[in-house]
N, C-alpha and C. Protein backbone atom coordinates (compact mmCIF):
# COMPACT_ATOMS: atom_id res chain seq x y z
N MET A 1 22.89 -12.01 19.30
CA MET A 1 22.00 -11.50 18.26
C MET A 1 22.85 -11.22 17.03
N ASP A 2 22.48 -11.80 15.90
CA ASP A 2 23.30 -11.54 14.71
C ASP A 2 22.94 -10.20 14.07
N SER A 3 23.92 -9.65 13.39
CA SER A 3 23.75 -8.31 12.83
C SER A 3 22.73 -8.27 11.69
N LYS A 4 22.55 -9.40 10.99
CA LYS A 4 21.54 -9.44 9.92
C LYS A 4 20.14 -9.25 10.50
N ARG A 5 19.89 -9.90 11.61
CA ARG A 5 18.57 -9.78 12.25
C ARG A 5 18.33 -8.35 12.75
N LEU A 6 19.36 -7.76 13.35
CA LEU A 6 19.26 -6.37 13.81
C LEU A 6 18.98 -5.43 12.64
N ALA A 7 19.72 -5.61 11.55
CA ALA A 7 19.55 -4.75 10.38
C ALA A 7 18.15 -4.92 9.77
N LYS A 8 17.68 -6.14 9.71
CA LYS A 8 16.35 -6.40 9.17
C LYS A 8 15.27 -5.75 10.03
N PHE A 9 15.42 -5.87 11.33
CA PHE A 9 14.47 -5.27 12.27
C PHE A 9 14.49 -3.74 12.15
N ALA A 10 15.69 -3.17 12.05
CA ALA A 10 15.83 -1.72 11.90
C ALA A 10 15.18 -1.24 10.61
N ARG A 11 15.38 -1.99 9.51
CA ARG A 11 14.76 -1.63 8.23
C ARG A 11 13.24 -1.69 8.31
N LEU A 12 12.72 -2.70 9.00
CA LEU A 12 11.27 -2.82 9.17
C LEU A 12 10.71 -1.59 9.89
N ILE A 13 11.35 -1.20 10.99
CA ILE A 13 10.90 -0.03 11.75
C ILE A 13 11.04 1.23 10.90
N GLN A 14 12.15 1.36 10.18
CA GLN A 14 12.36 2.54 9.34
C GLN A 14 11.27 2.65 8.28
N LYS A 15 10.97 1.56 7.62
CA LYS A 15 9.95 1.55 6.57
C LYS A 15 8.58 1.90 7.14
N GLU A 16 8.23 1.27 8.24
CA GLU A 16 6.91 1.49 8.83
C GLU A 16 6.77 2.91 9.39
N MET A 17 7.80 3.40 10.06
CA MET A 17 7.72 4.75 10.61
C MET A 17 7.66 5.79 9.49
N ALA A 18 8.41 5.57 8.41
CA ALA A 18 8.34 6.49 7.27
C ALA A 18 6.92 6.53 6.71
N ASP A 19 6.30 5.36 6.61
CA ASP A 19 4.93 5.28 6.10
C ASP A 19 3.95 5.95 7.07
N ILE A 20 4.17 5.78 8.36
CA ILE A 20 3.30 6.42 9.36
C ILE A 20 3.40 7.94 9.23
N PHE A 21 4.61 8.46 9.09
CA PHE A 21 4.77 9.91 8.95
C PHE A 21 4.15 10.40 7.64
N LEU A 22 4.23 9.59 6.60
CA LEU A 22 3.66 9.96 5.32
C LEU A 22 2.13 9.99 5.39
N ARG A 23 1.53 8.96 6.00
CA ARG A 23 0.07 8.84 6.05
C ARG A 23 -0.58 9.65 7.17
N ASP A 24 0.00 9.57 8.36
CA ASP A 24 -0.61 10.21 9.53
C ASP A 24 0.09 11.51 9.93
N GLY A 25 1.21 11.81 9.29
CA GLY A 25 2.00 12.98 9.65
C GLY A 25 1.24 14.28 9.51
N SER A 26 0.47 14.41 8.44
CA SER A 26 -0.24 15.68 8.23
C SER A 26 -1.30 15.89 9.31
N ARG A 27 -1.92 14.80 9.75
CA ARG A 27 -2.92 14.90 10.81
C ARG A 27 -2.26 15.30 12.14
N LEU A 28 -1.10 14.76 12.40
CA LEU A 28 -0.42 14.99 13.67
C LEU A 28 0.48 16.23 13.68
N PHE A 29 1.15 16.49 12.55
CA PHE A 29 2.20 17.51 12.55
C PHE A 29 2.04 18.57 11.45
N GLY A 30 0.89 18.67 10.85
CA GLY A 30 0.70 19.65 9.79
C GLY A 30 1.32 19.18 8.48
N ASN A 31 1.51 20.10 7.57
CA ASN A 31 2.05 19.74 6.26
C ASN A 31 3.57 19.66 6.27
N GLN A 32 4.07 18.91 7.19
CA GLN A 32 5.51 18.75 7.37
C GLN A 32 5.96 17.49 6.64
N PHE A 33 7.06 17.57 5.87
CA PHE A 33 7.62 16.36 5.29
C PHE A 33 8.68 15.83 6.25
N ILE A 34 8.40 14.66 6.82
CA ILE A 34 9.29 14.06 7.81
C ILE A 34 9.84 12.77 7.23
N GLY A 35 11.15 12.68 7.15
CA GLY A 35 11.79 11.48 6.65
C GLY A 35 12.49 10.74 7.78
N VAL A 36 12.52 9.43 7.67
CA VAL A 36 13.23 8.60 8.64
C VAL A 36 14.56 8.23 8.00
N SER A 37 15.63 8.89 8.43
CA SER A 37 16.91 8.69 7.77
C SER A 37 17.66 7.45 8.27
N GLN A 38 17.43 7.10 9.53
CA GLN A 38 18.17 5.96 10.09
C GLN A 38 17.45 5.45 11.33
N VAL A 39 17.58 4.15 11.57
CA VAL A 39 17.07 3.54 12.81
C VAL A 39 18.18 2.68 13.38
N ARG A 40 18.45 2.87 14.65
CA ARG A 40 19.44 2.03 15.36
C ARG A 40 18.69 1.26 16.43
N VAL A 41 18.92 -0.03 16.47
CA VAL A 41 18.19 -0.91 17.38
C VAL A 41 19.16 -1.53 18.37
N SER A 42 18.72 -1.64 19.63
CA SER A 42 19.55 -2.28 20.65
C SER A 42 19.64 -3.78 20.35
N PRO A 43 20.70 -4.44 20.83
CA PRO A 43 20.87 -5.87 20.55
C PRO A 43 19.71 -6.76 21.01
N ASP A 44 18.99 -6.33 22.05
CA ASP A 44 17.86 -7.14 22.53
C ASP A 44 16.55 -6.78 21.83
N LEU A 45 16.62 -5.88 20.84
CA LEU A 45 15.47 -5.41 20.06
C LEU A 45 14.42 -4.68 20.90
N GLY A 46 14.80 -4.26 22.09
CA GLY A 46 13.84 -3.62 22.98
C GLY A 46 13.81 -2.10 22.89
N TYR A 47 14.75 -1.53 22.13
CA TYR A 47 14.87 -0.08 22.08
C TYR A 47 15.30 0.33 20.67
N ALA A 48 14.66 1.35 20.13
CA ALA A 48 15.01 1.84 18.79
C ALA A 48 15.19 3.35 18.82
N LYS A 49 16.32 3.80 18.30
CA LYS A 49 16.57 5.23 18.11
C LYS A 49 16.21 5.54 16.66
N ILE A 50 15.29 6.49 16.48
CA ILE A 50 14.81 6.83 15.15
C ILE A 50 15.30 8.24 14.82
N TYR A 51 16.08 8.34 13.75
CA TYR A 51 16.65 9.62 13.33
C TYR A 51 15.80 10.21 12.21
N LEU A 52 15.40 11.46 12.40
CA LEU A 52 14.48 12.12 11.48
C LEU A 52 15.14 13.26 10.72
N SER A 53 14.74 13.40 9.47
CA SER A 53 15.17 14.56 8.68
C SER A 53 13.92 15.29 8.20
N PHE A 54 14.08 16.57 7.93
CA PHE A 54 12.93 17.41 7.57
C PHE A 54 13.23 18.21 6.32
N LEU A 55 12.20 18.41 5.53
CA LEU A 55 12.34 19.21 4.33
C LEU A 55 11.67 20.55 4.56
N ASN A 56 12.40 21.61 4.31
CA ASN A 56 11.86 22.98 4.45
C ASN A 56 11.30 23.26 5.84
N ASP A 57 12.01 22.85 6.85
CA ASP A 57 11.58 23.12 8.22
C ASP A 57 12.58 24.10 8.83
N LYS A 58 12.09 25.25 9.24
CA LYS A 58 12.96 26.28 9.81
C LYS A 58 13.41 25.94 11.23
N GLU A 59 12.59 25.16 11.94
CA GLU A 59 12.90 24.82 13.33
C GLU A 59 12.75 23.31 13.56
N PRO A 60 13.66 22.52 13.00
CA PRO A 60 13.52 21.06 13.11
C PRO A 60 13.58 20.53 14.55
N LEU A 61 14.34 21.20 15.42
CA LEU A 61 14.44 20.71 16.80
C LEU A 61 13.10 20.85 17.52
N LYS A 62 12.37 21.93 17.22
CA LYS A 62 11.04 22.09 17.81
C LYS A 62 10.10 21.01 17.29
N THR A 63 10.23 20.68 16.00
CA THR A 63 9.39 19.63 15.41
C THR A 63 9.68 18.29 16.07
N VAL A 64 10.95 18.01 16.34
CA VAL A 64 11.30 16.76 17.03
C VAL A 64 10.66 16.74 18.42
N ASP A 65 10.66 17.88 19.10
CA ASP A 65 10.03 17.95 20.42
C ASP A 65 8.54 17.64 20.33
N VAL A 66 7.87 18.16 19.30
CA VAL A 66 6.45 17.89 19.11
C VAL A 66 6.23 16.40 18.82
N ILE A 67 7.10 15.83 18.00
CA ILE A 67 7.01 14.39 17.69
C ILE A 67 7.19 13.57 18.96
N ARG A 68 8.12 13.99 19.81
CA ARG A 68 8.35 13.26 21.07
C ARG A 68 7.10 13.29 21.97
N LEU A 69 6.33 14.38 21.90
CA LEU A 69 5.09 14.45 22.67
C LEU A 69 4.08 13.40 22.20
N HIS A 70 4.19 13.00 20.94
CA HIS A 70 3.29 11.99 20.35
C HIS A 70 3.91 10.60 20.37
N ASN A 71 4.98 10.41 21.13
CA ASN A 71 5.71 9.15 21.14
C ASN A 71 4.79 7.95 21.40
N LYS A 72 3.95 8.06 22.42
CA LYS A 72 3.09 6.93 22.78
C LYS A 72 2.13 6.58 21.65
N GLU A 73 1.54 7.60 21.05
CA GLU A 73 0.62 7.39 19.94
C GLU A 73 1.34 6.76 18.74
N LEU A 74 2.53 7.27 18.42
CA LEU A 74 3.29 6.74 17.30
C LEU A 74 3.71 5.29 17.55
N ARG A 75 4.08 4.99 18.78
CA ARG A 75 4.46 3.61 19.12
C ARG A 75 3.26 2.67 18.99
N THR A 76 2.08 3.16 19.38
CA THR A 76 0.86 2.35 19.26
C THR A 76 0.55 2.06 17.79
N ILE A 77 0.69 3.08 16.94
CA ILE A 77 0.46 2.89 15.50
C ILE A 77 1.48 1.90 14.95
N LEU A 78 2.75 2.06 15.33
CA LEU A 78 3.79 1.14 14.89
C LEU A 78 3.46 -0.29 15.34
N ALA A 79 3.03 -0.42 16.59
CA ALA A 79 2.71 -1.74 17.13
C ALA A 79 1.61 -2.42 16.32
N SER A 80 0.59 -1.66 15.95
CA SER A 80 -0.51 -2.25 15.19
C SER A 80 -0.04 -2.74 13.82
N ARG A 81 1.02 -2.14 13.29
CA ARG A 81 1.52 -2.51 11.98
C ARG A 81 2.48 -3.70 12.02
N ILE A 82 3.27 -3.83 13.09
CA ILE A 82 4.32 -4.86 13.10
C ILE A 82 4.06 -5.99 14.11
N LYS A 83 2.91 -5.96 14.77
CA LYS A 83 2.66 -6.93 15.85
C LYS A 83 2.74 -8.39 15.40
N ASN A 84 2.43 -8.66 14.13
CA ASN A 84 2.48 -10.04 13.64
C ASN A 84 3.87 -10.45 13.18
N GLN A 85 4.81 -9.50 13.17
CA GLN A 85 6.16 -9.79 12.69
C GLN A 85 7.20 -9.82 13.81
N VAL A 86 6.85 -9.30 14.98
CA VAL A 86 7.81 -9.24 16.08
C VAL A 86 7.15 -9.72 17.38
N ARG A 87 7.99 -10.14 18.30
CA ARG A 87 7.48 -10.59 19.60
C ARG A 87 7.20 -9.43 20.52
N LYS A 88 8.11 -8.44 20.49
CA LYS A 88 8.01 -7.32 21.42
C LYS A 88 8.15 -6.02 20.64
N ILE A 89 7.31 -5.07 20.95
CA ILE A 89 7.39 -3.75 20.31
C ILE A 89 8.45 -2.95 21.07
N PRO A 90 9.44 -2.42 20.36
CA PRO A 90 10.51 -1.70 21.06
C PRO A 90 10.05 -0.34 21.58
N GLU A 91 10.70 0.11 22.63
CA GLU A 91 10.54 1.49 23.05
C GLU A 91 11.20 2.32 21.96
N ILE A 92 10.61 3.46 21.62
CA ILE A 92 11.19 4.27 20.56
C ILE A 92 11.52 5.66 21.07
N GLU A 93 12.56 6.22 20.50
CA GLU A 93 12.96 7.58 20.84
C GLU A 93 13.37 8.26 19.54
N PHE A 94 13.03 9.54 19.43
CA PHE A 94 13.27 10.29 18.20
C PHE A 94 14.41 11.29 18.37
N PHE A 95 15.21 11.40 17.31
CA PHE A 95 16.34 12.32 17.29
C PHE A 95 16.37 13.05 15.96
N TYR A 96 16.93 14.25 15.99
CA TYR A 96 17.09 15.03 14.76
C TYR A 96 18.37 14.60 14.07
N ASP A 97 18.28 14.27 12.81
CA ASP A 97 19.45 13.91 12.01
C ASP A 97 19.93 15.18 11.32
N ASP A 98 21.03 15.73 11.77
CA ASP A 98 21.52 16.99 11.23
C ASP A 98 22.54 16.81 10.11
N THR A 99 22.57 15.65 9.50
CA THR A 99 23.51 15.37 8.42
C THR A 99 23.36 16.36 7.28
N MET A 100 22.12 16.65 6.89
CA MET A 100 21.89 17.57 5.77
C MET A 100 22.36 18.98 6.12
N ASP A 101 22.18 19.38 7.37
CA ASP A 101 22.68 20.70 7.79
C ASP A 101 24.19 20.77 7.62
N TYR A 102 24.86 19.70 8.00
CA TYR A 102 26.32 19.63 7.89
C TYR A 102 26.74 19.70 6.41
N VAL A 103 26.03 18.96 5.56
CA VAL A 103 26.35 18.97 4.12
C VAL A 103 26.17 20.37 3.55
N GLU A 104 25.07 21.04 3.90
CA GLU A 104 24.84 22.40 3.41
C GLU A 104 25.93 23.35 3.89
N LYS A 105 26.31 23.22 5.14
CA LYS A 105 27.37 24.07 5.69
C LYS A 105 28.68 23.86 4.94
N MET A 106 29.03 22.61 4.68
CA MET A 106 30.26 22.32 3.95
C MET A 106 30.18 22.83 2.52
N ASP A 107 29.02 22.70 1.88
CA ASP A 107 28.85 23.23 0.52
C ASP A 107 29.11 24.73 0.48
N LYS A 108 28.58 25.45 1.47
CA LYS A 108 28.78 26.90 1.52
C LYS A 108 30.25 27.25 1.71
N ILE A 109 30.92 26.49 2.55
CA ILE A 109 32.36 26.73 2.78
C ILE A 109 33.13 26.52 1.48
N PHE A 110 32.83 25.45 0.75
CA PHE A 110 33.52 25.20 -0.51
C PHE A 110 33.19 26.25 -1.56
N GLU A 111 31.96 26.73 -1.58
CA GLU A 111 31.58 27.81 -2.50
C GLU A 111 32.42 29.06 -2.23
N GLU A 112 32.55 29.40 -0.94
CA GLU A 112 33.34 30.58 -0.57
C GLU A 112 34.80 30.42 -0.97
N ILE A 113 35.33 29.23 -0.79
CA ILE A 113 36.72 28.97 -1.17
C ILE A 113 36.89 29.15 -2.68
N ASN A 114 35.92 28.64 -3.44
CA ASN A 114 36.01 28.72 -4.90
C ASN A 114 35.78 30.14 -5.43
N LYS A 115 35.11 30.98 -4.66
CA LYS A 115 34.83 32.36 -5.09
C LYS A 115 36.03 33.27 -4.90
N GLN A 116 36.93 32.92 -4.00
CA GLN A 116 38.06 33.79 -3.68
C GLN A 116 38.92 34.00 -4.92
N PRO A 117 39.33 35.25 -5.16
CA PRO A 117 40.15 35.51 -6.35
C PRO A 117 41.49 34.80 -6.29
N LYS A 118 41.92 34.37 -7.44
CA LYS A 118 43.21 33.66 -7.51
C LYS A 118 44.35 34.68 -7.48
N SER A 119 45.40 34.30 -6.83
CA SER A 119 46.58 35.18 -6.79
C SER A 119 47.33 35.07 -8.11
N LYS A 120 48.26 35.96 -8.32
CA LYS A 120 49.06 35.96 -9.55
C LYS A 120 49.83 34.65 -9.71
N GLU A 121 50.30 34.09 -8.61
CA GLU A 121 51.08 32.86 -8.65
C GLU A 121 50.24 31.67 -9.14
N GLU A 122 48.93 31.67 -8.79
CA GLU A 122 48.09 30.54 -9.15
C GLU A 122 47.67 30.58 -10.61
N GLU A 123 47.71 31.74 -11.24
CA GLU A 123 47.25 31.87 -12.63
C GLU A 123 48.22 31.33 -13.62
């Protein structure tokens, strides 16, 4: 399987899942903003790991658990959208993308470093 085909398939799933969360997300998950940050696809295109990010969500891991409960429904919606473009609909699994949490944590650390008073030698 060439990497271009894998990347194209991953982008298709990412685009469609992002649109599903945008259109059907409020019905399924309330007024939650759910972003699809990354999709990783197995070489046989039979399995897709979907990484999600959330805006203003205090408990993103709980939200991922709720999304996982709707896995079958979300896969059915995805299937109806991509059935004419692919031979087989992949099994999907959702994961929390904690990249933004890491970035925020690092920003806070750098802020604290910059706030520390300078010693006489540094001035």
